[in-house]
Amino acid sequence: MKKEVVLQKIREVGILPVLRASSSDGALALADAIAEGGITALEVTMTVPGAVQVISRLVRDRPELLIGAGTVLDAETARICILEGAQFVVSPALNEEAVRLCRRYSVAVMAGALTPTEVIRAWEAGSDVVKIFPASAMGGAKYLKSLKAPLPQVEMIPTGGVSVATAKDFLDAGAFALGVGADLADEKAVAEGRAADVTAVARQYVAVLKEFRA
């Protein structure tokens, strides 16, 4: 799938769940529960045990989903994930070598930044979308709006502090999409047999996005 198509799909889905789990099975169960709720893009973080294998399995078994690699800190990890089928790469910080590798492979990349200087550096380095992390630490949606005012040309995806309650505020502030962590990807709920709760939250996010676009 071409990079431009991947980026457009992420924009259309609007919600990018960040999967963190203590096991590969937990990550796969989370992916199933979230997808059941109508969210079809997922970021599997490298903090998940066997994360690369999780990506490979999801790419193979769930072709209807857009699968990316998260918490990618270096170019070699980015390359491994891309070779296993990752369709986009996300990092909490900027590693210029990793960005260059993603561009070499024509794979969508979202490098992390926080301050205006860091955002500009990530954008100039070639990041397709800049991940604003941790967004909540700097004031959440108000901070994103402040960044977008002088930098409207930079697409941004806030992560950290995004919840069903704050989702609309982040969208109003100009978010490209929303990076959502524990508020949605609740491993404990799945482990306790409450996968339906995760699915229900996913549907709430989809409803917020639908209402915002209406």
N, C-alpha and C. Protein backbone atom coordinates (compact mmCIF):
# COMPACT_ATOMS: atom_id res chain seq x y z
N MET A 1 0.84 -1.19 0.00
CA MET A 1 0.00 0.00 0.00
C MET A 1 0.88 1.25 0.00
N LYS A 2 0.62 2.18 -0.88
CA LYS A 2 1.43 3.38 -0.98
C LYS A 2 1.31 4.24 0.28
N LYS A 3 2.40 4.93 0.59
CA LYS A 3 2.44 5.75 1.80
C LYS A 3 1.30 6.75 1.84
N GLU A 4 1.02 7.37 0.73
CA GLU A 4 -0.04 8.37 0.70
C GLU A 4 -1.39 7.76 1.07
N VAL A 5 -1.62 6.53 0.63
CA VAL A 5 -2.86 5.83 0.94
C VAL A 5 -2.92 5.50 2.43
N VAL A 6 -1.80 5.05 2.98
CA VAL A 6 -1.73 4.74 4.41
C VAL A 6 -2.06 5.98 5.24
N LEU A 7 -1.45 7.10 4.91
CA LEU A 7 -1.70 8.33 5.65
C LEU A 7 -3.15 8.77 5.53
N GLN A 8 -3.72 8.62 4.36
CA GLN A 8 -5.12 8.97 4.17
C GLN A 8 -6.03 8.07 5.00
N LYS A 9 -5.69 6.79 5.07
CA LYS A 9 -6.49 5.86 5.86
C LYS A 9 -6.42 6.20 7.35
N ILE A 10 -5.22 6.57 7.82
CA ILE A 10 -5.08 6.95 9.22
C ILE A 10 -5.92 8.18 9.51
N ARG A 11 -5.90 9.13 8.59
CA ARG A 11 -6.73 10.33 8.76
C ARG A 11 -8.20 9.95 8.80
N GLU A 12 -8.62 9.05 7.92
CA GLU A 12 -10.02 8.65 7.85
C GLU A 12 -10.45 7.90 9.12
N VAL A 13 -9.60 6.98 9.58
CA VAL A 13 -9.93 6.24 10.80
C VAL A 13 -9.96 7.21 11.98
N GLY A 14 -8.97 8.11 12.04
CA GLY A 14 -8.98 9.19 13.02
C GLY A 14 -8.52 8.82 14.41
N ILE A 15 -8.52 7.54 14.72
CA ILE A 15 -8.13 7.05 16.05
C ILE A 15 -7.00 6.04 15.86
N LEU A 16 -5.89 6.27 16.55
CA LEU A 16 -4.76 5.34 16.44
C LEU A 16 -4.45 4.77 17.81
N PRO A 17 -5.01 3.59 18.12
CA PRO A 17 -4.76 2.96 19.42
C PRO A 17 -3.30 2.55 19.57
N VAL A 18 -2.75 2.82 20.74
CA VAL A 18 -1.37 2.46 21.05
C VAL A 18 -1.42 1.20 21.91
N LEU A 19 -1.05 0.06 21.31
CA LEU A 19 -1.16 -1.21 22.02
C LEU A 19 0.08 -1.48 22.87
N ARG A 20 -0.12 -1.46 24.17
CA ARG A 20 0.93 -1.87 25.11
C ARG A 20 0.36 -3.03 25.92
N ALA A 21 1.09 -4.12 25.97
CA ALA A 21 0.61 -5.30 26.68
C ALA A 21 1.80 -6.07 27.23
N SER A 22 1.54 -6.90 28.23
CA SER A 22 2.62 -7.65 28.87
C SER A 22 2.93 -8.96 28.16
N SER A 23 2.14 -9.26 27.13
CA SER A 23 2.37 -10.48 26.35
C SER A 23 1.86 -10.28 24.94
N SER A 24 2.36 -11.12 24.04
CA SER A 24 1.91 -11.03 22.65
C SER A 24 0.44 -11.43 22.55
N ASP A 25 0.03 -12.42 23.33
CA ASP A 25 -1.38 -12.84 23.32
C ASP A 25 -2.29 -11.70 23.80
N GLY A 26 -1.82 -10.97 24.81
CA GLY A 26 -2.59 -9.84 25.31
C GLY A 26 -2.75 -8.76 24.25
N ALA A 27 -1.68 -8.53 23.49
CA ALA A 27 -1.73 -7.52 22.43
C ALA A 27 -2.69 -7.94 21.33
N LEU A 28 -2.66 -9.22 20.97
CA LEU A 28 -3.55 -9.72 19.92
C LEU A 28 -5.02 -9.65 20.37
N ALA A 29 -5.26 -9.95 21.64
CA ALA A 29 -6.63 -9.88 22.16
C ALA A 29 -7.12 -8.44 22.18
N LEU A 30 -6.24 -7.51 22.53
CA LEU A 30 -6.60 -6.09 22.49
C LEU A 30 -6.93 -5.66 21.07
N ALA A 31 -6.11 -6.09 20.13
CA ALA A 31 -6.33 -5.74 18.73
C ALA A 31 -7.71 -6.22 18.27
N ASP A 32 -8.06 -7.44 18.64
CA ASP A 32 -9.36 -7.99 18.25
C ASP A 32 -10.51 -7.17 18.85
N ALA A 33 -10.37 -6.83 20.14
CA ALA A 33 -11.44 -6.11 20.83
C ALA A 33 -11.62 -4.71 20.26
N ILE A 34 -10.52 -4.05 19.94
CA ILE A 34 -10.59 -2.69 19.39
C ILE A 34 -11.15 -2.71 17.98
N ALA A 35 -10.69 -3.66 17.17
CA ALA A 35 -11.18 -3.76 15.80
C ALA A 35 -12.68 -4.05 15.77
N GLU A 36 -13.14 -4.83 16.74
CA GLU A 36 -14.57 -5.14 16.83
C GLU A 36 -15.39 -3.87 17.04
N GLY A 37 -14.76 -2.86 17.63
CA GLY A 37 -15.45 -1.60 17.86
C GLY A 37 -15.40 -0.64 16.69
N GLY A 38 -14.78 -1.07 15.59
CA GLY A 38 -14.81 -0.25 14.38
C GLY A 38 -13.56 0.57 14.11
N ILE A 39 -12.52 0.40 14.91
CA ILE A 39 -11.25 1.11 14.67
C ILE A 39 -10.30 0.17 13.94
N THR A 40 -9.89 0.58 12.75
CA THR A 40 -9.16 -0.36 11.87
C THR A 40 -7.70 0.01 11.65
N ALA A 41 -7.14 0.84 12.52
CA ALA A 41 -5.70 1.14 12.48
C ALA A 41 -5.15 0.91 13.88
N LEU A 42 -4.01 0.24 13.97
CA LEU A 42 -3.45 -0.12 15.27
C LEU A 42 -1.94 0.07 15.27
N GLU A 43 -1.42 0.56 16.38
CA GLU A 43 0.02 0.73 16.56
C GLU A 43 0.50 -0.27 17.62
N VAL A 44 1.32 -1.22 17.21
CA VAL A 44 1.88 -2.21 18.14
C VAL A 44 3.23 -1.69 18.62
N THR A 45 3.34 -1.42 19.91
CA THR A 45 4.58 -0.84 20.42
C THR A 45 5.65 -1.91 20.61
N MET A 46 6.89 -1.46 20.51
CA MET A 46 8.02 -2.37 20.68
C MET A 46 8.20 -2.81 22.13
N THR A 47 7.41 -2.25 23.05
CA THR A 47 7.48 -2.68 24.44
C THR A 47 6.70 -3.98 24.67
N VAL A 48 5.92 -4.40 23.69
CA VAL A 48 5.19 -5.67 23.79
C VAL A 48 6.17 -6.83 23.55
N PRO A 49 6.21 -7.82 24.42
CA PRO A 49 7.08 -8.96 24.16
C PRO A 49 6.71 -9.62 22.83
N GLY A 50 7.72 -9.84 21.98
CA GLY A 50 7.45 -10.43 20.67
C GLY A 50 6.69 -9.50 19.75
N ALA A 51 6.91 -8.20 19.90
CA ALA A 51 6.15 -7.20 19.14
C ALA A 51 6.25 -7.40 17.64
N VAL A 52 7.43 -7.72 17.15
CA VAL A 52 7.61 -7.89 15.70
C VAL A 52 6.76 -9.05 15.20
N GLN A 53 6.71 -10.12 15.98
CA GLN A 53 5.89 -11.28 15.60
C GLN A 53 4.40 -10.93 15.65
N VAL A 54 4.02 -10.09 16.61
CA VAL A 54 2.62 -9.65 16.69
C VAL A 54 2.26 -8.87 15.43
N ILE A 55 3.14 -7.98 15.01
CA ILE A 55 2.91 -7.22 13.78
C ILE A 55 2.76 -8.16 12.60
N SER A 56 3.70 -9.09 12.48
CA SER A 56 3.67 -10.04 11.36
C SER A 56 2.37 -10.83 11.34
N ARG A 57 1.94 -11.29 12.51
CA ARG A 57 0.71 -12.09 12.58
C ARG A 57 -0.52 -11.27 12.23
N LEU A 58 -0.59 -10.04 12.74
CA LEU A 58 -1.75 -9.19 12.43
C LEU A 58 -1.79 -8.85 10.95
N VAL A 59 -0.64 -8.55 10.37
CA VAL A 59 -0.59 -8.25 8.94
C VAL A 59 -1.08 -9.44 8.12
N ARG A 60 -0.71 -10.63 8.56
CA ARG A 60 -1.10 -11.85 7.83
C ARG A 60 -2.56 -12.22 8.05
N ASP A 61 -3.00 -12.16 9.31
CA ASP A 61 -4.33 -12.68 9.65
C ASP A 61 -5.45 -11.64 9.59
N ARG A 62 -5.08 -10.36 9.68
CA ARG A 62 -6.11 -9.31 9.67
C ARG A 62 -5.80 -8.28 8.58
N PRO A 63 -5.88 -8.69 7.32
CA PRO A 63 -5.51 -7.78 6.23
C PRO A 63 -6.40 -6.55 6.12
N GLU A 64 -7.56 -6.58 6.77
CA GLU A 64 -8.45 -5.42 6.72
C GLU A 64 -7.98 -4.30 7.66
N LEU A 65 -7.00 -4.62 8.52
CA LEU A 65 -6.49 -3.63 9.47
C LEU A 65 -5.20 -2.99 8.96
N LEU A 66 -4.98 -1.75 9.37
CA LEU A 66 -3.75 -1.04 9.08
C LEU A 66 -2.86 -1.20 10.31
N ILE A 67 -1.73 -1.84 10.14
CA ILE A 67 -0.87 -2.19 11.28
C ILE A 67 0.45 -1.43 11.21
N GLY A 68 0.77 -0.76 12.31
CA GLY A 68 2.03 -0.03 12.37
C GLY A 68 2.86 -0.44 13.58
N ALA A 69 4.10 0.02 13.59
CA ALA A 69 5.03 -0.26 14.69
C ALA A 69 5.21 1.01 15.51
N GLY A 70 5.12 0.88 16.84
CA GLY A 70 5.27 2.03 17.71
C GLY A 70 6.45 1.91 18.65
N THR A 71 6.82 3.01 19.27
CA THR A 71 7.98 3.08 20.16
C THR A 71 9.23 2.56 19.44
N VAL A 72 9.38 2.96 18.20
CA VAL A 72 10.54 2.57 17.40
C VAL A 72 11.62 3.62 17.62
N LEU A 73 12.75 3.20 18.18
CA LEU A 73 13.77 4.15 18.62
C LEU A 73 14.99 4.24 17.71
N ASP A 74 15.09 3.35 16.74
CA ASP A 74 16.27 3.36 15.88
C ASP A 74 15.93 2.81 14.50
N ALA A 75 16.85 3.03 13.57
CA ALA A 75 16.61 2.65 12.18
C ALA A 75 16.55 1.14 11.99
N GLU A 76 17.36 0.40 12.71
CA GLU A 76 17.37 -1.05 12.54
C GLU A 76 16.04 -1.66 12.95
N THR A 77 15.48 -1.19 14.07
CA THR A 77 14.17 -1.68 14.49
C THR A 77 13.11 -1.30 13.46
N ALA A 78 13.20 -0.09 12.94
CA ALA A 78 12.24 0.33 11.90
C ALA A 78 12.32 -0.60 10.71
N ARG A 79 13.53 -0.92 10.29
CA ARG A 79 13.71 -1.80 9.12
C ARG A 79 13.12 -3.18 9.36
N ILE A 80 13.36 -3.74 10.54
CA ILE A 80 12.84 -5.08 10.87
C ILE A 80 11.32 -5.07 10.82
N CYS A 81 10.72 -4.05 11.40
CA CYS A 81 9.26 -3.96 11.43
C CYS A 81 8.68 -3.79 10.03
N ILE A 82 9.33 -2.97 9.22
CA ILE A 82 8.86 -2.77 7.84
C ILE A 82 8.94 -4.09 7.05
N LEU A 83 10.01 -4.82 7.24
CA LEU A 83 10.16 -6.09 6.52
C LEU A 83 9.13 -7.12 6.97
N GLU A 84 8.61 -6.94 8.19
CA GLU A 84 7.56 -7.84 8.68
C GLU A 84 6.16 -7.36 8.32
N GLY A 85 6.10 -6.22 7.61
CA GLY A 85 4.81 -5.77 7.10
C GLY A 85 4.25 -4.51 7.71
N ALA A 86 4.94 -3.90 8.67
CA ALA A 86 4.43 -2.67 9.28
C ALA A 86 4.20 -1.62 8.21
N GLN A 87 3.03 -1.00 8.24
CA GLN A 87 2.67 -0.04 7.19
C GLN A 87 2.94 1.41 7.60
N PHE A 88 3.27 1.61 8.86
CA PHE A 88 3.71 2.92 9.33
C PHE A 88 4.56 2.72 10.58
N VAL A 89 5.37 3.72 10.88
CA VAL A 89 6.31 3.64 12.00
C VAL A 89 6.14 4.88 12.86
N VAL A 90 6.04 4.66 14.19
CA VAL A 90 5.83 5.76 15.13
C VAL A 90 6.91 5.72 16.21
N SER A 91 7.37 6.90 16.61
CA SER A 91 8.37 7.00 17.67
C SER A 91 7.98 8.08 18.66
N PRO A 92 8.36 7.93 19.94
CA PRO A 92 8.06 8.99 20.91
C PRO A 92 9.03 10.16 20.80
N ALA A 93 10.08 9.98 20.00
CA ALA A 93 11.10 11.03 19.85
C ALA A 93 11.59 11.03 18.41
N LEU A 94 12.53 11.92 18.12
CA LEU A 94 13.07 12.01 16.76
C LEU A 94 14.40 11.28 16.66
N ASN A 95 14.44 10.29 15.77
CA ASN A 95 15.69 9.65 15.38
C ASN A 95 15.80 9.85 13.87
N GLU A 96 16.65 10.75 13.46
CA GLU A 96 16.70 11.15 12.06
C GLU A 96 17.08 10.00 11.14
N GLU A 97 17.92 9.09 11.63
CA GLU A 97 18.30 7.93 10.81
C GLU A 97 17.09 7.04 10.55
N ALA A 98 16.26 6.87 11.56
CA ALA A 98 15.05 6.05 11.39
C ALA A 98 14.09 6.72 10.41
N VAL A 99 13.97 8.04 10.48
CA VAL A 99 13.11 8.76 9.54
C VAL A 99 13.62 8.58 8.12
N ARG A 100 14.93 8.72 7.94
CA ARG A 100 15.51 8.55 6.60
C ARG A 100 15.26 7.14 6.06
N LEU A 101 15.36 6.14 6.94
CA LEU A 101 15.13 4.77 6.48
C LEU A 101 13.68 4.59 6.04
N CYS A 102 12.75 5.11 6.82
CA CYS A 102 11.33 4.99 6.45
C CYS A 102 11.07 5.66 5.11
N ARG A 103 11.67 6.81 4.89
CA ARG A 103 11.49 7.50 3.61
C ARG A 103 12.12 6.71 2.47
N ARG A 104 13.23 6.05 2.76
CA ARG A 104 13.87 5.22 1.74
C ARG A 104 12.96 4.07 1.32
N TYR A 105 12.23 3.53 2.28
CA TYR A 105 11.29 2.44 2.00
C TYR A 105 9.90 2.96 1.62
N SER A 106 9.73 4.26 1.57
CA SER A 106 8.43 4.88 1.28
C SER A 106 7.35 4.41 2.25
N VAL A 107 7.72 4.39 3.52
CA VAL A 107 6.80 4.00 4.59
C VAL A 107 6.48 5.23 5.44
N ALA A 108 5.22 5.42 5.77
CA ALA A 108 4.80 6.56 6.57
C ALA A 108 5.49 6.54 7.93
N VAL A 109 5.97 7.70 8.35
CA VAL A 109 6.69 7.78 9.63
C VAL A 109 6.16 8.95 10.44
N MET A 110 6.02 8.72 11.75
CA MET A 110 5.54 9.74 12.68
C MET A 110 6.53 9.84 13.83
N ALA A 111 7.44 10.81 13.73
CA ALA A 111 8.43 11.00 14.78
C ALA A 111 7.84 11.85 15.90
N GLY A 112 8.33 11.62 17.11
CA GLY A 112 7.81 12.34 18.26
C GLY A 112 8.51 13.65 18.53
N ALA A 113 7.77 14.60 19.07
CA ALA A 113 8.31 15.91 19.43
C ALA A 113 7.39 16.52 20.48
N LEU A 114 7.86 17.59 21.12
CA LEU A 114 7.03 18.25 22.12
C LEU A 114 7.06 19.77 21.98
N THR A 115 8.25 20.34 21.93
CA THR A 115 8.35 21.79 21.83
C THR A 115 8.24 22.24 20.37
N PRO A 116 7.99 23.54 20.12
CA PRO A 116 7.96 24.03 18.74
C PRO A 116 9.24 23.73 17.98
N THR A 117 10.39 23.90 18.62
CA THR A 117 11.66 23.62 17.96
C THR A 117 11.75 22.15 17.56
N GLU A 118 11.34 21.27 18.47
CA GLU A 118 11.38 19.83 18.16
C GLU A 118 10.41 19.47 17.04
N VAL A 119 9.24 20.09 17.05
CA VAL A 119 8.26 19.83 15.99
C VAL A 119 8.83 20.21 14.64
N ILE A 120 9.44 21.38 14.55
CA ILE A 120 10.02 21.83 13.29
C ILE A 120 11.17 20.92 12.86
N ARG A 121 11.98 20.50 13.80
CA ARG A 121 13.09 19.59 13.47
C ARG A 121 12.57 18.28 12.91
N ALA A 122 11.54 17.72 13.54
CA ALA A 122 10.98 16.44 13.08
C ALA A 122 10.37 16.60 11.69
N TRP A 123 9.67 17.70 11.48
CA TRP A 123 9.04 17.96 10.18
C TRP A 123 10.10 18.15 9.10
N GLU A 124 11.14 18.94 9.39
CA GLU A 124 12.19 19.17 8.41
C GLU A 124 13.00 17.91 8.14
N ALA A 125 13.06 17.01 9.12
CA ALA A 125 13.77 15.74 8.93
C ALA A 125 13.01 14.80 8.01
N GLY A 126 11.71 15.08 7.79
CA GLY A 126 10.93 14.26 6.87
C GLY A 126 9.81 13.47 7.49
N SER A 127 9.50 13.75 8.76
CA SER A 127 8.38 13.05 9.40
C SER A 127 7.07 13.46 8.71
N ASP A 128 6.30 12.47 8.28
CA ASP A 128 5.05 12.77 7.57
C ASP A 128 4.03 13.43 8.48
N VAL A 129 3.95 12.94 9.69
CA VAL A 129 3.11 13.50 10.74
C VAL A 129 3.98 13.56 11.99
N VAL A 130 3.85 14.60 12.78
CA VAL A 130 4.64 14.70 14.01
C VAL A 130 3.77 14.29 15.20
N LYS A 131 4.28 13.33 15.96
CA LYS A 131 3.58 12.86 17.15
C LYS A 131 3.90 13.82 18.30
N ILE A 132 2.88 14.44 18.88
CA ILE A 132 3.07 15.34 20.01
C ILE A 132 2.91 14.53 21.28
N PHE A 133 4.04 14.30 21.94
CA PHE A 133 4.05 13.41 23.11
C PHE A 133 5.03 13.91 24.16
N PRO A 134 4.62 13.88 25.44
CA PRO A 134 3.26 13.59 25.95
C PRO A 134 2.42 14.87 25.94
N ALA A 135 1.36 14.85 25.18
CA ALA A 135 0.54 16.05 24.99
C ALA A 135 -0.05 16.57 26.30
N SER A 136 -0.46 15.66 27.17
CA SER A 136 -1.12 16.07 28.41
C SER A 136 -0.18 16.86 29.32
N ALA A 137 1.10 16.56 29.26
CA ALA A 137 2.07 17.21 30.15
C ALA A 137 2.21 18.69 29.86
N MET A 138 1.81 19.10 28.65
CA MET A 138 1.97 20.50 28.25
C MET A 138 0.64 21.25 28.15
N GLY A 139 -0.43 20.60 28.59
CA GLY A 139 -1.72 21.30 28.59
C GLY A 139 -2.76 20.71 27.66
N GLY A 140 -2.45 19.55 27.04
CA GLY A 140 -3.45 18.85 26.25
C GLY A 140 -3.85 19.58 24.99
N ALA A 141 -5.15 19.64 24.74
CA ALA A 141 -5.67 20.21 23.49
C ALA A 141 -5.31 21.68 23.33
N LYS A 142 -5.26 22.43 24.43
CA LYS A 142 -4.89 23.84 24.34
C LYS A 142 -3.47 24.00 23.82
N TYR A 143 -2.61 23.10 24.25
CA TYR A 143 -1.21 23.16 23.78
C TYR A 143 -1.13 22.81 22.30
N LEU A 144 -1.88 21.80 21.87
CA LEU A 144 -1.89 21.44 20.46
C LEU A 144 -2.37 22.62 19.61
N LYS A 145 -3.42 23.28 20.07
CA LYS A 145 -3.94 24.45 19.34
C LYS A 145 -2.88 25.54 19.24
N SER A 146 -2.12 25.72 20.32
CA SER A 146 -1.05 26.72 20.32
C SER A 146 0.04 26.37 19.33
N LEU A 147 0.36 25.08 19.20
CA LEU A 147 1.36 24.65 18.23
C LEU A 147 0.87 24.82 16.79
N LYS A 148 -0.39 24.49 16.57
CA LYS A 148 -0.93 24.54 15.21
C LYS A 148 -1.07 25.97 14.69
N ALA A 149 -1.23 26.93 15.59
CA ALA A 149 -1.43 28.31 15.15
C ALA A 149 -0.28 28.81 14.26
N PRO A 150 0.98 28.68 14.68
CA PRO A 150 2.08 29.12 13.82
C PRO A 150 2.56 28.04 12.85
N LEU A 151 2.09 26.81 13.04
CA LEU A 151 2.58 25.69 12.22
C LEU A 151 1.41 24.92 11.59
N PRO A 152 0.51 25.58 10.87
CA PRO A 152 -0.65 24.89 10.32
C PRO A 152 -0.28 23.87 9.25
N GLN A 153 0.90 24.03 8.66
CA GLN A 153 1.33 23.11 7.60
C GLN A 153 1.84 21.78 8.13
N VAL A 154 2.07 21.69 9.44
CA VAL A 154 2.59 20.46 10.04
C VAL A 154 1.43 19.63 10.59
N GLU A 155 1.28 18.42 10.07
CA GLU A 155 0.24 17.52 10.60
C GLU A 155 0.72 16.96 11.94
N MET A 156 -0.17 16.94 12.92
CA MET A 156 0.21 16.50 14.27
C MET A 156 -0.78 15.49 14.81
N ILE A 157 -0.23 14.50 15.52
CA ILE A 157 -1.07 13.50 16.17
C ILE A 157 -0.74 13.50 17.66
N PRO A 158 -1.63 14.07 18.48
CA PRO A 158 -1.38 14.12 19.92
C PRO A 158 -1.54 12.74 20.56
N THR A 159 -0.65 12.45 21.49
CA THR A 159 -0.71 11.20 22.23
C THR A 159 -0.35 11.51 23.68
N GLY A 160 -1.06 10.89 24.59
CA GLY A 160 -0.84 11.16 26.01
C GLY A 160 -1.91 12.09 26.52
N GLY A 161 -2.84 11.56 27.29
CA GLY A 161 -3.94 12.38 27.81
C GLY A 161 -5.16 12.42 26.93
N VAL A 162 -5.13 11.67 25.83
CA VAL A 162 -6.31 11.60 24.97
C VAL A 162 -7.29 10.59 25.57
N SER A 163 -8.53 11.01 25.72
CA SER A 163 -9.58 10.14 26.25
C SER A 163 -10.86 10.44 25.49
N VAL A 164 -11.89 9.65 25.77
CA VAL A 164 -13.19 9.93 25.15
C VAL A 164 -13.64 11.34 25.51
N ALA A 165 -13.35 11.74 26.75
CA ALA A 165 -13.79 13.06 27.22
C ALA A 165 -13.04 14.20 26.55
N THR A 166 -11.77 13.97 26.17
CA THR A 166 -10.96 15.05 25.58
C THR A 166 -10.83 14.95 24.07
N ALA A 167 -11.34 13.88 23.49
CA ALA A 167 -11.14 13.63 22.05
C ALA A 167 -11.61 14.79 21.18
N LYS A 168 -12.81 15.28 21.45
CA LYS A 168 -13.35 16.36 20.61
C LYS A 168 -12.49 17.62 20.72
N ASP A 169 -12.00 17.91 21.91
CA ASP A 169 -11.15 19.09 22.09
C ASP A 169 -9.88 18.99 21.23
N PHE A 170 -9.29 17.80 21.21
CA PHE A 170 -8.09 17.60 20.39
C PHE A 170 -8.42 17.71 18.89
N LEU A 171 -9.55 17.20 18.51
CA LEU A 171 -9.97 17.31 17.10
C LEU A 171 -10.22 18.77 16.74
N ASP A 172 -10.88 19.49 17.62
CA ASP A 172 -11.12 20.92 17.41
C ASP A 172 -9.81 21.69 17.28
N ALA A 173 -8.79 21.21 17.98
CA ALA A 173 -7.49 21.90 17.98
C ALA A 173 -6.69 21.65 16.71
N GLY A 174 -7.18 20.74 15.87
CA GLY A 174 -6.52 20.51 14.59
C GLY A 174 -5.73 19.23 14.46
N ALA A 175 -6.01 18.25 15.32
CA ALA A 175 -5.28 16.98 15.26
C ALA A 175 -5.51 16.25 13.93
N PHE A 176 -4.46 15.69 13.40
CA PHE A 176 -4.53 14.85 12.19
C PHE A 176 -5.29 13.56 12.52
N ALA A 177 -4.97 13.01 13.67
CA ALA A 177 -5.65 11.83 14.24
C ALA A 177 -5.30 11.82 15.71
N LEU A 178 -5.89 10.90 16.46
CA LEU A 178 -5.66 10.86 17.90
C LEU A 178 -4.93 9.58 18.30
N GLY A 179 -3.80 9.73 18.95
CA GLY A 179 -3.10 8.57 19.50
C GLY A 179 -3.67 8.27 20.87
N VAL A 180 -4.25 7.10 21.03
CA VAL A 180 -4.96 6.77 22.27
C VAL A 180 -4.32 5.56 22.94
N GLY A 181 -3.96 5.72 24.20
CA GLY A 181 -3.31 4.65 24.94
C GLY A 181 -4.25 3.89 25.84
N ALA A 182 -3.97 3.94 27.15
CA ALA A 182 -4.66 3.09 28.12
C ALA A 182 -6.16 3.35 28.21
N ASP A 183 -6.61 4.53 27.85
CA ASP A 183 -8.05 4.81 27.91
C ASP A 183 -8.84 3.86 27.01
N LEU A 184 -8.18 3.37 25.97
CA LEU A 184 -8.82 2.44 25.04
C LEU A 184 -8.18 1.05 25.11
N ALA A 185 -6.86 1.01 25.01
CA ALA A 185 -6.16 -0.28 24.98
C ALA A 185 -5.94 -0.79 26.41
N ASP A 186 -7.02 -1.21 27.04
CA ASP A 186 -7.02 -1.63 28.44
C ASP A 186 -6.76 -3.13 28.54
N GLU A 187 -5.50 -3.48 28.73
CA GLU A 187 -5.12 -4.90 28.79
C GLU A 187 -5.79 -5.61 29.96
N LYS A 188 -5.92 -4.93 31.08
CA LYS A 188 -6.52 -5.55 32.27
C LYS A 188 -7.95 -5.99 32.00
N ALA A 189 -8.69 -5.15 31.30
CA ALA A 189 -10.09 -5.49 30.99
C ALA A 189 -10.16 -6.76 30.17
N VAL A 190 -9.28 -6.87 29.19
CA VAL A 190 -9.27 -8.08 28.34
C VAL A 190 -8.87 -9.29 29.17
N ALA A 191 -7.85 -9.15 30.01
CA ALA A 191 -7.37 -10.26 30.83
C ALA A 191 -8.43 -10.75 31.79
N GLU A 192 -9.31 -9.84 32.22
CA GLU A 192 -10.38 -10.21 33.16
C GLU A 192 -11.65 -10.67 32.46
N GLY A 193 -11.55 -10.86 31.14
CA GLY A 193 -12.71 -11.34 30.39
C GLY A 193 -13.69 -10.26 30.02
N ARG A 194 -13.25 -8.99 30.05
CA ARG A 194 -14.14 -7.88 29.75
C ARG A 194 -13.75 -7.21 28.43
N ALA A 195 -13.44 -8.02 27.43
CA ALA A 195 -13.07 -7.48 26.13
C ALA A 195 -14.19 -6.61 25.55
N ALA A 196 -15.43 -6.94 25.90
CA ALA A 196 -16.57 -6.16 25.42
C ALA A 196 -16.50 -4.71 25.91
N ASP A 197 -15.86 -4.49 27.07
CA ASP A 197 -15.71 -3.12 27.57
C ASP A 197 -14.79 -2.32 26.66
N VAL A 198 -13.72 -2.95 26.20
CA VAL A 198 -12.78 -2.30 25.28
C VAL A 198 -13.48 -1.99 23.96
N THR A 199 -14.24 -2.94 23.49
CA THR A 199 -15.00 -2.74 22.24
C THR A 199 -15.98 -1.57 22.39
N ALA A 200 -16.62 -1.49 23.55
CA ALA A 200 -17.58 -0.40 23.80
C ALA A 200 -16.89 0.96 23.79
N VAL A 201 -15.68 1.05 24.37
CA VAL A 201 -14.94 2.31 24.37
C VAL A 201 -14.52 2.67 22.94
N ALA A 202 -14.10 1.67 22.19
CA ALA A 202 -13.74 1.92 20.79
C ALA A 202 -14.92 2.53 20.04
N ARG A 203 -16.10 2.01 20.28
CA ARG A 203 -17.30 2.54 19.62
C ARG A 203 -17.59 3.97 20.07
N GLN A 204 -17.28 4.29 21.31
CA GLN A 204 -17.46 5.66 21.78
C GLN A 204 -16.54 6.62 21.02
N TYR A 205 -15.30 6.21 20.81
CA TYR A 205 -14.38 7.03 20.04
C TYR A 205 -14.87 7.23 18.61
N VAL A 206 -15.34 6.16 18.00
CA VAL A 206 -15.87 6.24 16.64
C VAL A 206 -17.05 7.21 16.59
N ALA A 207 -17.89 7.17 17.62
CA ALA A 207 -19.06 8.06 17.67
C ALA A 207 -18.64 9.52 17.81
N VAL A 208 -17.62 9.77 18.64
CA VAL A 208 -17.12 11.15 18.81
C VAL A 208 -16.59 11.67 17.49
N LEU A 209 -15.84 10.84 16.80
CA LEU A 209 -15.26 11.25 15.51
C LEU A 209 -16.37 11.52 14.49
N LYS A 210 -17.37 10.64 14.45
CA LYS A 210 -18.47 10.81 13.52
C LYS A 210 -19.23 12.10 13.79
N GLU A 211 -19.48 12.38 15.06
CA GLU A 211 -20.20 13.60 15.44
C GLU A 211 -19.37 14.84 15.08
N PHE A 212 -18.07 14.77 15.31
CA PHE A 212 -17.19 15.91 14.99
C PHE A 212 -17.22 16.21 13.50
N ARG A 213 -17.19 15.19 12.69
CA ARG A 213 -17.15 15.38 11.24
C ARG A 213 -18.50 15.78 10.68
N ALA A 214 -19.55 15.48 11.40
CA ALA A 214 -20.89 15.87 10.95
C ALA A 214 -21.09 17.37 11.09
